[in-house]
């Protein structure tokens, strides 16, 4: 009997889930994906990002993506049981009928969950280990910010700009259109900024460059440092 790979098992499980009656996947409990509350008051990032933008962005934009993701997977219990990062790592293995909806909404959920976590009230700075990695891979924090902001400005339309971290601690800048994420390429996002207009338009209008520059004032370097340690240990989820 041929040995089944993890890929084959996932594909079979996802295919079997197609025949599950509508609504059955969530019959035993709450929807599998949830919108976590903000880890700080909406006004905590002012004046760099206003409270109204944060509330609209978190409650409506992120909230809508979570609702749409749950709707997409509700008839596919094997898919609904997967962790968020698994959905994105294995996007190509998911049933074709829901693949695009999962791509857009799971990507949005992962990106935004990371986004809220890496921001906070102003006042932190990179801790020694992360600071040394930034110096090694970019030539210092100012150079990282310069390259990151330039990458964010080059995104046509809507998307995200990230710093990724591999298991060796190597840092790199990556950009993604729409709600795509480095997780789709098997990479981990250390920190990232949302350059969809809904992230900044109430204050900055079309001045994306000003928003990108101001955003560094609210990066929570303590949280980013913890994510860096987790990435090196192979424990960073989204």
Protein backbone atom coordinates (compact mmCIF):
# COMPACT_ATOMS: atom_id res chain seq x y z
CA UNK A 1 0.00 0.00 0.00
CA UNK A 2 1.55 3.38 -0.98
CA UNK A 3 2.50 5.74 1.84
CA UNK A 4 0.26 8.79 2.18
CA UNK A 5 2.05 12.12 2.45
CA UNK A 6 0.77 14.99 4.57
CA UNK A 7 -0.13 16.77 1.34
CA UNK A 8 -2.22 13.83 0.17
CA UNK A 9 -3.98 13.52 3.52
CA UNK A 10 -4.86 17.21 3.53
CA UNK A 11 -6.12 17.07 -0.03
CA UNK A 12 -8.29 14.05 0.72
CA UNK A 13 -9.70 15.65 3.84
CA UNK A 14 -10.48 18.88 2.04
CA UNK A 15 -12.11 17.01 -0.82
CA UNK A 16 -14.22 15.00 1.60
CA UNK A 17 -15.37 18.18 3.30
CA UNK A 18 -17.08 19.35 0.09
CA UNK A 19 -20.00 17.02 0.74
CA UNK A 20 -20.63 18.20 4.33
CA UNK A 21 -24.12 19.74 4.66
CA UNK A 22 -24.26 23.54 4.90
CA UNK A 23 -23.68 24.84 8.42
CA UNK A 24 -22.60 21.51 9.90
CA UNK A 25 -18.99 22.54 10.42
CA UNK A 26 -19.93 25.12 13.07
CA UNK A 27 -22.74 23.18 14.69
CA UNK A 28 -20.75 22.30 17.81
CA UNK A 29 -19.50 25.76 18.72
CA UNK A 30 -18.44 29.24 17.71
CA UNK A 31 -16.99 30.17 14.36
CA UNK A 32 -13.33 29.09 14.21
CA UNK A 33 -11.80 32.47 13.42
CA UNK A 34 -12.30 35.35 15.80
CA UNK A 35 -11.53 39.07 15.83
CA UNK A 36 -9.40 39.75 18.90
CA UNK A 37 -9.89 43.09 20.66
CA UNK A 38 -7.30 45.78 20.20
CA UNK A 39 -4.44 45.42 22.70
CA UNK A 40 -4.62 49.17 23.50
CA UNK A 41 -7.23 51.95 23.40
CA UNK A 42 -8.01 53.22 19.90
CA UNK A 43 -6.65 56.65 20.82
CA UNK A 44 -3.31 55.26 22.02
CA UNK A 45 -1.62 55.80 18.66
CA UNK A 46 -2.56 59.46 18.31
CA UNK A 47 -1.49 61.84 16.87
CA UNK A 48 0.19 59.54 14.35
CA UNK A 49 -2.90 57.40 13.71
CA UNK A 50 -6.24 58.75 14.87
CA UNK A 51 -8.76 56.84 16.97
CA UNK A 52 -11.48 56.96 14.31
CA UNK A 53 -9.21 55.35 11.74
CA UNK A 54 -8.19 52.64 14.21
CA UNK A 55 -11.81 51.88 15.12
CA UNK A 56 -12.98 51.74 11.50
CA UNK A 57 -9.95 49.74 10.43
CA UNK A 58 -10.18 47.18 13.23
CA UNK A 59 -13.92 46.83 13.71
CA UNK A 60 -15.14 47.15 10.14
CA UNK A 61 -12.33 46.27 7.74
CA UNK A 62 -10.64 43.55 9.79
CA UNK A 63 -13.96 42.42 11.23
CA UNK A 64 -15.46 42.02 7.75
CA UNK A 65 -12.53 39.84 6.69
CA UNK A 66 -12.99 37.54 9.69
CA UNK A 67 -16.71 37.20 8.96
CA UNK A 68 -16.04 36.48 5.29
CA UNK A 69 -13.40 33.88 6.17
CA UNK A 70 -15.78 32.06 8.48
CA UNK A 71 -18.45 32.14 5.78
CA UNK A 72 -16.01 30.71 3.23
CA UNK A 73 -14.98 27.71 5.36
CA UNK A 74 -18.28 26.90 7.06
CA UNK A 75 -19.02 23.92 4.79
CA UNK A 76 -15.46 22.59 4.95
CA UNK A 77 -14.76 21.32 8.48
CA UNK A 78 -11.28 20.02 7.65
CA UNK A 79 -10.34 23.50 6.41
CA UNK A 80 -12.09 25.27 9.29
CA UNK A 81 -10.06 23.20 11.74
CA UNK A 82 -6.74 24.44 10.37
CA UNK A 83 -4.74 27.18 12.05
CA UNK A 84 -4.69 30.50 10.24
CA UNK A 85 -1.06 30.17 9.16
CA UNK A 86 -1.74 26.65 7.84
CA UNK A 87 -4.45 27.98 5.56
CA UNK A 88 -1.94 30.36 4.03
CA UNK A 89 1.01 27.96 3.89
CA UNK A 90 -1.19 25.40 2.08
CA UNK A 91 -3.40 27.69 0.05
CA UNK A 92 -2.83 25.76 -3.16
CA UNK A 93 -4.14 22.57 -1.55
CA UNK A 94 -7.49 24.01 -0.50
CA UNK A 95 -10.70 23.30 -2.45
CA UNK A 96 -10.79 25.53 -5.52
CA UNK A 97 -14.31 26.73 -4.69
CA UNK A 98 -13.08 28.62 -1.62
CA UNK A 99 -9.42 29.20 -2.42
CA UNK A 100 -9.75 32.81 -3.55
CA UNK A 101 -12.00 33.78 -0.64
CA UNK A 102 -9.57 32.17 1.80
CA UNK A 103 -6.63 33.88 0.13
CA UNK A 104 -8.17 37.32 0.48
CA UNK A 105 -9.78 36.99 3.90
CA UNK A 106 -7.32 34.70 5.70
CA UNK A 107 -4.55 36.91 4.35
CA UNK A 108 -6.33 39.99 5.67
CA UNK A 109 -6.94 38.35 9.04
CA UNK A 110 -3.29 37.31 9.41
CA UNK A 111 -1.91 40.64 8.23
CA UNK A 112 -4.18 42.72 10.44
CA UNK A 113 -3.69 40.54 13.52
CA UNK A 114 0.06 41.03 13.14
CA UNK A 115 -0.46 44.76 12.46
CA UNK A 116 -2.29 45.44 15.74
CA UNK A 117 0.30 43.44 17.68
CA UNK A 118 3.34 45.32 16.39
CA UNK A 119 1.98 48.77 17.20
CA UNK A 120 1.56 50.53 20.53
CA UNK A 121 2.00 53.86 22.28
CA UNK A 122 5.25 55.62 21.31
CA UNK A 123 8.36 55.12 23.37
CA UNK A 124 10.09 51.82 22.62
CA UNK A 125 13.29 51.11 20.64
CA UNK A 126 14.75 47.91 19.17
CA UNK A 127 16.29 45.68 21.82
CA UNK A 128 19.96 44.60 21.45
CA UNK A 129 19.54 41.32 19.54
CA UNK A 130 17.09 42.77 17.03
CA UNK A 131 19.08 45.99 16.78
CA UNK A 132 22.19 43.98 15.89
CA UNK A 133 20.26 42.11 13.17
CA UNK A 134 18.97 45.40 11.74
CA UNK A 135 22.51 46.77 11.68
CA UNK A 136 23.82 43.61 10.01
CA UNK A 137 21.14 43.30 7.33
CA UNK A 138 20.28 46.95 6.60
CA UNK A 139 23.09 49.08 7.98
CA UNK A 140 21.03 50.46 10.86
CA UNK A 141 17.48 51.45 11.76
CA UNK A 142 17.49 54.64 9.68
CA UNK A 143 18.48 52.67 6.59
CA UNK A 144 15.81 50.04 7.27
CA UNK A 145 13.18 52.73 7.57
CA UNK A 146 14.36 54.37 4.36
CA UNK A 147 14.22 51.11 2.38
CA UNK A 148 10.94 50.04 3.95
CA UNK A 149 9.24 53.36 3.21
CA UNK A 150 10.51 53.37 -0.36
CA UNK A 151 9.15 49.85 -0.86
CA UNK A 152 5.79 50.92 0.56
CA UNK A 153 5.64 53.86 -1.84
CA UNK A 154 6.33 51.59 -4.83
CA UNK A 155 3.25 49.45 -4.19
CA UNK A 156 0.72 50.26 -6.89
CA UNK A 157 -2.75 50.56 -5.42
CA UNK A 158 -3.27 48.65 -2.21
CA UNK A 159 -1.01 46.24 -0.36
CA UNK A 160 1.45 45.68 2.46
CA UNK A 161 5.14 46.15 3.12
CA UNK A 162 6.89 43.75 5.50
CA UNK A 163 10.15 42.91 7.17
CA UNK A 164 10.47 39.13 7.09
CA UNK A 165 12.62 36.99 9.38
CA UNK A 166 13.88 33.49 8.65
CA UNK A 167 14.92 30.80 11.12
CA UNK A 168 18.54 32.05 10.98
CA UNK A 169 17.43 35.55 11.97
CA UNK A 170 18.05 37.00 8.51
CA UNK A 171 15.88 40.05 7.83
CA UNK A 172 14.56 41.18 4.45
CA UNK A 173 11.95 43.57 3.05
CA UNK A 174 9.03 42.16 1.09
CA UNK A 175 5.95 43.73 -0.46
CA UNK A 176 2.64 42.08 -1.27
CA UNK A 177 -0.41 43.30 -3.21
CA UNK A 178 -3.91 43.37 -1.78
CA UNK A 179 -4.09 41.14 1.33
CA UNK A 180 -1.38 38.68 0.33
CA UNK A 181 1.17 37.76 2.97
CA UNK A 182 4.68 36.29 3.11
CA UNK A 183 3.07 33.26 4.76
CA UNK A 184 1.85 32.28 1.30
CA UNK A 185 5.52 31.84 0.36
CA UNK A 186 6.38 29.98 3.56
CA UNK A 187 8.05 33.05 5.07
CA UNK A 188 7.32 34.78 8.38
CA UNK A 189 6.40 38.43 8.70
CA UNK A 190 8.28 40.07 11.55
CA UNK A 191 6.57 43.42 11.17
CA UNK A 192 4.45 44.99 8.46
CA UNK A 193 2.56 48.12 7.53
CA UNK A 194 -0.81 48.35 5.79
CA UNK A 195 -0.75 50.76 2.85
CA UNK A 196 -4.40 50.39 1.88
CA UNK A 197 -5.88 53.89 1.95
CA UNK A 198 -8.33 52.93 4.71
CA UNK A 199 -5.30 52.67 7.01
CA UNK A 200 -4.43 56.35 6.74
CA UNK A 201 -6.80 58.43 4.62
CA UNK A 202 -8.63 60.39 7.34
CA UNK A 203 -5.43 62.17 8.38
CA UNK A 204 -3.03 61.73 5.49
CA UNK A 205 -5.40 61.64 2.49
CA UNK A 206 -3.23 60.70 -0.51
CA UNK A 207 0.07 61.42 1.30
CA UNK A 208 1.22 57.84 1.74
CA UNK A 209 4.83 58.97 2.22
CA UNK A 210 3.84 61.01 5.27
CA UNK A 211 1.92 58.08 6.73
CA UNK A 212 4.81 55.66 6.20
CA UNK A 213 7.19 58.04 7.93
CA UNK A 214 4.83 58.71 10.85
CA UNK A 215 4.00 55.03 11.36
CA UNK A 216 7.45 54.30 12.78
CA UNK A 217 6.51 56.38 15.82
CA UNK A 218 3.99 53.74 16.90
CA UNK A 219 5.99 50.57 16.23
CA UNK A 220 6.12 48.54 19.44
CA UNK A 221 9.71 47.34 19.33
CA UNK A 222 9.25 45.21 22.42
CA UNK A 223 6.57 43.21 20.62
CA UNK A 224 8.66 43.07 17.43
CA UNK A 225 11.63 41.80 19.43
CA UNK A 226 9.48 39.02 20.89
CA UNK A 227 8.36 38.10 17.38
CA UNK A 228 11.99 38.01 16.25
CA UNK A 229 12.91 35.61 19.04
CA UNK A 230 9.93 33.41 18.17
CA UNK A 231 10.89 33.41 14.47
CA UNK A 232 14.41 32.23 15.31
CA UNK A 233 12.99 29.51 17.55
CA UNK A 234 10.54 28.37 14.85
CA UNK A 235 7.57 29.34 17.03
CA UNK A 236 6.22 32.42 15.26
CA UNK A 237 2.69 31.83 13.98
CA UNK A 238 1.26 34.78 12.13
